[in-house]
Structure formats: C-alpha cells, structure tokens
C-alpha atoms as a PDB file:
ATOM      1  CA  MET A   1       0.000   0.000   0.000  1.00  0.00           C
ATOM      2  CA  PRO A   2       1.355   3.438  -0.844  1.00  0.00           C
ATOM      3  CA  GLU A   3       0.309   4.956   2.505  1.00  0.00           C
ATOM      4  CA  HIS A   4       2.849   6.622   4.747  1.00  0.00           C
ATOM      5  CA  HIS A   5       1.102   5.801   8.038  1.00  0.00           C
ATOM      6  CA  ARG A   6       0.354   2.109   7.751  1.00  0.00           C
ATOM      7  CA  TYR A   7      -1.815   0.575  10.424  1.00  0.00           C
ATOM      8  CA  LEU A   8      -0.873  -3.048   9.788  1.00  0.00           C
ATOM      9  CA  ARG A   9      -3.531  -4.591  12.021  1.00  0.00           C
ATOM     10  CA  GLY A  10      -6.212  -2.927   9.934  1.00  0.00           C
ATOM     11  CA  LEU A  11      -4.552  -3.452   6.563  1.00  0.00           C
ATOM     12  CA  ARG A  12      -4.340  -7.203   7.183  1.00  0.00           C
ATOM     13  CA  THR A  13      -8.095  -7.328   7.593  1.00  0.00           C
ATOM     14  CA  TRP A  14      -8.788  -4.856   4.778  1.00  0.00           C
ATOM     15  CA  VAL A  15      -6.782  -6.921   2.265  1.00  0.00           C
ATOM     16  CA  GLY A  16      -8.907  -9.938   3.148  1.00  0.00           C
ATOM     17  CA  PHE A  17      -6.530 -12.389   4.715  1.00  0.00           C
ATOM     18  CA  ARG A  18      -8.319 -15.002   6.782  1.00  0.00           C
ATOM     19  CA  GLN A  19      -7.561 -14.642  10.458  1.00  0.00           C
ATOM     20  CA  ILE A  20      -8.093 -16.832  13.456  1.00  0.00           C
ATOM     21  CA  GLY A  21      -7.327 -16.290  17.088  1.00  0.00           C
ATOM     22  CA  ILE A  22      -4.802 -18.552  18.764  1.00  0.00           C
ATOM     23  CA  PRO A  23      -4.841 -18.572  22.559  1.00  0.00           C
ATOM     24  CA  VAL A  24      -1.286 -18.266  23.851  1.00  0.00           C
ATOM     25  CA  GLU A  25      -0.213 -18.568  27.468  1.00  0.00           C
ATOM     26  CA  ARG A  26       2.423 -15.974  28.172  1.00  0.00           C
ATOM     27  CA  SER A  27       4.789 -16.068  31.054  1.00  0.00           C
ATOM     28  CA  ALA A  28       5.357 -13.001  33.177  1.00  0.00           C
ATOM     29  CA  ARG A  29       7.808 -10.389  31.919  1.00  0.00           C
ATOM     30  CA  GLN A  30      11.300 -11.239  33.135  1.00  0.00           C
ATOM     31  CA  ALA A  31      12.761  -7.740  33.103  1.00  0.00           C
ATOM     32  CA  GLY A  32      11.924  -4.189  32.193  1.00  0.00           C
ATOM     33  CA  LEU A  33       8.653  -2.456  31.567  1.00  0.00           C
ATOM     34  CA  THR A  34       6.289  -2.530  28.645  1.00  0.00           C
ATOM     35  CA  LYS A  35       7.058  -0.083  25.855  1.00  0.00           C
ATOM     36  CA  TYR A  36       3.348   0.677  25.399  1.00  0.00           C
ATOM     37  CA  SER A  37       2.513   3.483  27.788  1.00  0.00           C
ATOM     38  CA  PRO A  38      -1.119   4.626  28.056  1.00  0.00           C
ATOM     39  CA  LEU A  39      -0.303   7.526  25.713  1.00  0.00           C
ATOM     40  CA  ARG A  40       1.200   5.158  23.138  1.00  0.00           C
ATOM     41  CA  LEU A  41      -1.837   2.864  23.403  1.00  0.00           C
ATOM     42  CA  LEU A  42      -4.084   5.887  22.821  1.00  0.00           C
ATOM     43  CA  LYS A  43      -2.035   6.746  19.709  1.00  0.00           C
ATOM     44  CA  LEU A  44      -2.381   3.166  18.460  1.00  0.00           C
ATOM     45  CA  ALA A  45      -6.147   3.298  18.951  1.00  0.00           C
ATOM     46  CA  SER A  46      -6.425   6.658  17.182  1.00  0.00           C
ATOM     47  CA  ASP A  47      -4.337   5.320  14.268  1.00  0.00           C
ATOM     48  CA  GLY A  48      -6.803   2.454  13.913  1.00  0.00           C
ATOM     49  CA  ILE A  49      -9.827   4.742  14.046  1.00  0.00           C
ATOM     50  CA  PHE A  50      -8.548   7.438  11.715  1.00  0.00           C
ATOM     51  CA  ALA A  51      -6.898   5.111   9.173  1.00  0.00           C
ATOM     52  CA  PHE A  52     -10.070   3.175   8.435  1.00  0.00           C
ATOM     53  CA  SER A  53     -12.953   5.477   9.273  1.00  0.00           C
ATOM     54  CA  ILE A  54     -14.246   8.950   8.562  1.00  0.00           C
ATOM     55  CA  VAL A  55     -16.922   8.574  11.229  1.00  0.00           C
ATOM     56  CA  PRO A  56     -15.306  11.208  13.500  1.00  0.00           C
ATOM     57  CA  LEU A  57     -15.649  13.719  10.664  1.00  0.00           C
ATOM     58  CA  ARG A  58     -19.279  12.779  10.125  1.00  0.00           C
ATOM     59  CA  ALA A  59     -19.940  13.070  13.852  1.00  0.00           C
ATOM     60  CA  ALA A  60     -19.458  16.848  13.603  1.00  0.00           C
ATOM     61  CA  ALA A  61     -22.300  17.123  11.082  1.00  0.00           C
ATOM     62  CA  LEU A  62     -24.580  14.942  13.211  1.00  0.00           C
ATOM     63  CA  LEU A  63     -23.740  16.883  16.349  1.00  0.00           C
ATOM     64  CA  GLY A  64     -24.363  20.166  14.528  1.00  0.00           C
ATOM     65  CA  ALA A  65     -27.711  18.972  13.199  1.00  0.00           C
ATOM     66  CA  ALA A  66     -28.695  17.805  16.687  1.00  0.00           C
ATOM     67  CA  ALA A  67     -27.662  21.141  18.227  1.00  0.00           C
ATOM     68  CA  THR A  68     -29.649  23.051  15.605  1.00  0.00           C
ATOM     69  CA  ALA A  69     -32.721  20.868  16.152  1.00  0.00           C
ATOM     70  CA  LEU A  70     -32.473  21.283  19.922  1.00  0.00           C
ATOM     71  CA  SER A  71     -32.156  25.041  19.563  1.00  0.00           C
ATOM     72  CA  VAL A  72     -35.317  25.107  17.431  1.00  0.00           C
ATOM     73  CA  LEU A  73     -37.134  23.089  20.103  1.00  0.00           C
ATOM     74  CA  TYR A  74     -35.770  25.410  22.757  1.00  0.00           C
ATOM     75  CA  SER A  75     -36.933  28.426  20.765  1.00  0.00           C
ATOM     76  CA  LEU A  76     -40.479  27.043  20.811  1.00  0.00           C
ATOM     77  CA  TYR A  77     -40.247  26.599  24.561  1.00  0.00           C
ATOM     78  CA  ALA A  78     -38.718  30.067  24.960  1.00  0.00           C
ATOM     79  CA  LEU A  79     -41.563  31.681  23.046  1.00  0.00           C
ATOM     80  CA  TYR A  80     -44.047  29.831  25.235  1.00  0.00           C
ATOM     81  CA  ALA A  81     -42.165  30.904  28.368  1.00  0.00           C
ATOM     82  CA  LYS A  82     -41.929  34.515  27.212  1.00  0.00           C
ATOM     83  CA  PHE A  83     -45.635  34.909  26.645  1.00  0.00           C
ATOM     84  CA  ARG A  84     -46.981  32.602  29.368  1.00  0.00           C
ATOM     85  CA  LEU A  85     -44.384  32.557  32.145  1.00  0.00           C
ATOM     86  CA  HIS A  86     -42.779  36.008  31.640  1.00  0.00           C
ATOM     87  CA  SER A  87     -39.120  34.994  31.464  1.00  0.00           C
ATOM     88  CA  PRO A  88     -36.309  37.584  31.910  1.00  0.00           C
ATOM     89  CA  GLN A  89     -35.694  39.888  28.932  1.00  0.00           C
ATOM     90  CA  GLY A  90     -32.685  39.349  26.679  1.00  0.00           C
ATOM     91  CA  PHE A  91     -31.737  35.950  28.082  1.00  0.00           C
ATOM     92  CA  THR A  92     -33.849  33.973  25.631  1.00  0.00           C
ATOM     93  CA  ALA A  93     -32.588  35.757  22.528  1.00  0.00           C
ATOM     94  CA  LEU A  94     -28.963  35.362  23.613  1.00  0.00           C
ATOM     95  CA  ILE A  95     -29.242  31.638  24.299  1.00  0.00           C
ATOM     96  CA  LEU A  96     -31.128  31.045  21.039  1.00  0.00           C
ATOM     97  CA  ALA A  97     -28.575  32.945  18.973  1.00  0.00           C
ATOM     98  CA  ILE A  98     -25.644  31.128  20.536  1.00  0.00           C
ATOM     99  CA  THR A  99     -27.087  27.613  20.280  1.00  0.00           C
ATOM    100  CA  PHE A 100     -28.547  28.008  16.804  1.00  0.00           C
ATOM    101  CA  LEU A 101     -25.475  29.610  15.230  1.00  0.00           C
ATOM    102  CA  SER A 102     -23.145  27.168  16.981  1.00  0.00           C
ATOM    103  CA  GLY A 103     -25.214  24.261  15.661  1.00  0.00           C
ATOM    104  CA  VAL A 104     -25.215  25.637  12.123  1.00  0.00           C
ATOM    105  CA  ASN A 105     -21.467  26.271  12.337  1.00  0.00           C
ATOM    106  CA  LEU A 106     -20.789  22.727  13.543  1.00  0.00           C
ATOM    107  CA  PHE A 107     -23.077  21.272  10.873  1.00  0.00           C
ATOM    108  CA  PHE A 108     -21.219  23.003   8.069  1.00  0.00           C
ATOM    109  CA  LEU A 109     -17.914  22.041   9.640  1.00  0.00           C
ATOM    110  CA  GLY A 110     -19.125  18.441   9.374  1.00  0.00           C
ATOM    111  CA  ILE A 111     -19.945  18.951   5.694  1.00  0.00           C
ATOM    112  CA  ILE A 112     -16.422  20.273   5.098  1.00  0.00           C
ATOM    113  CA  GLY A 113     -15.180  17.246   7.058  1.00  0.00           C
ATOM    114  CA  GLU A 114     -17.059  14.965   4.665  1.00  0.00           C
ATOM    115  CA  TYR A 115     -15.197  16.495   1.733  1.00  0.00           C
ATOM    116  CA  ILE A 116     -11.886  16.192   3.581  1.00  0.00           C
ATOM    117  CA  GLY A 117     -12.685  12.551   4.358  1.00  0.00           C
ATOM    118  CA  ARG A 118     -13.270  11.797   0.698  1.00  0.00           C
ATOM    119  CA  VAL A 119     -10.039  13.512  -0.303  1.00  0.00           C
ATOM    120  CA  TYR A 120      -8.267  11.526   2.417  1.00  0.00           C
ATOM    121  CA  GLU A 121      -9.659   8.235   1.101  1.00  0.00           C
ATOM    122  CA  GLU A 122      -8.453   9.091  -2.410  1.00  0.00           C
ATOM    123  CA  ALA A 123      -5.038  10.263  -1.201  1.00  0.00           C
ATOM    124  CA  LYS A 124      -4.382   6.904   0.483  1.00  0.00           C
ATOM    125  CA  GLY A 125      -4.266   5.357  -2.971  1.00  0.00           C
ATOM    126  CA  ARG A 126      -5.657   1.998  -1.935  1.00  0.00           C
ATOM    127  CA  PRO A 127      -6.790  -0.197  -4.824  1.00  0.00           C
ATOM    128  CA  HIS A 128     -10.517  -0.661  -5.379  1.00  0.00           C
ATOM    129  CA  TYR A 129     -10.136  -4.412  -5.229  1.00  0.00           C
ATOM    130  CA  ILE A 130      -7.478  -7.054  -4.725  1.00  0.00           C
ATOM    131  CA  VAL A 131      -7.168 -10.026  -7.036  1.00  0.00           C
ATOM    132  CA  ARG A 132      -6.777 -13.234  -5.100  1.00  0.00           C
ATOM    133  CA  GLU A 133      -6.139 -15.512  -8.055  1.00  0.00           C
ATOM    134  CA  MET A 134      -5.722 -15.034 -11.793  1.00  0.00           C
ATOM    135  CA  ILE A 135      -6.759 -17.697 -14.237  1.00  0.00           C
ATOM    136  CA  CYS A 136      -5.258 -17.066 -17.653  1.00  0.00           C
ATOM    137  CA  LYS A 137      -6.412 -18.723 -20.845  1.00  0.00           C
ATOM    138  CA  GLN A 138      -3.542 -19.458 -23.152  1.00  0.00           C
ATOM    139  CA  LYS A 139      -3.936 -19.091 -26.852  1.00  0.00           C
ATOM    140  CA  VAL A 140      -3.109 -22.382 -28.439  1.00  0.00           C
ATOM    141  CA  SER A 141      -1.787 -22.089 -31.958  1.00  0.00           C
ATOM    142  CA  GLU A 142      -1.552 -25.851 -32.454  1.00  0.00           C
ATOM    143  CA  PRO A 143      -3.833 -28.561 -31.246  1.00  0.00           C
ATOM    144  CA  LEU A 144      -2.610 -30.204 -28.052  1.00  0.00           C
ATOM    145  CA  ILE A 145      -3.234 -33.711 -29.340  1.00  0.00           C
ATOM    146  CA  LYS A 146      -1.943 -34.567 -32.790  1.00  0.00           C
ATOM    147  CA  SER A 147      -3.759 -37.184 -34.738  1.00  0.00           C
END
C-alpha cells in the first residue's frame, strides 16, 4: 500500500486475509517495563480509528444537526415561556442565537469534514479491489493432441 502511516492490524483485515485467534499462554515479563505506555496505546487506537474510518468527521455534522434541532425546540419553549411565564428579557434571545449559530457552524464544519474525508480516502491510494487468483487462458496455436 502506498500509505505513509500504515496501520498493519487494519490493513491485514482490509486486504482480506483469513484470520483466526490462537490462545497463547504468556509467562510473566522477566525484566523491564512494557514499551506501550497509556499515551502510546491511545495513539495506536487513534491510528486504527482514523486510518479506516471517517466517522469522527461525520460526527461533527450529526452533532451540529442535533444542536440546531435542539435550539429550534428550545426556541419554541422560549416563546411559550416569554408569553406565558414572563421569562427575563434578553436571556432567551442570547441563548437562542448562541445555540442556533453554533449548531449551524458545527453542521457546516461536518460537511467540510465529509469532503476532507473523501479527499483523504483518495489520497491513500488503496486499490478498489485485490485479485486473489488469476486464471489465464492461453492461446493455443496448435492442437494439443496430434492425430
């Protein structure tokens, strides 16, 4: 694969190799400490997530849409409260403006993230498919069995 940051655990699965788990009993470490600190394990997990998924980019759009929808629902409640319960002046408009514009901003950030995700998928240069086996027909100029 032409990628610079290869996450081999994911590429093995992506290519389609069959995998099975083999239980192995390991003895205790004789000396030293593990090289995988919690920060390094977090980096390994993020490599796996970001190398094979654009879901975090799409999450911004979903979160933005949810924030916008909640601000619309809150605006309905705020109008009810303003006319029926006499809420404080100015507070409602400020909260509505902040939540609605933040939701719209996050939604469009998610849309930009979708484009970036597609560019990222293309930039990785992975093939569309992998050929497991090729069966070639040979052109035979002479008959195989002579009579």
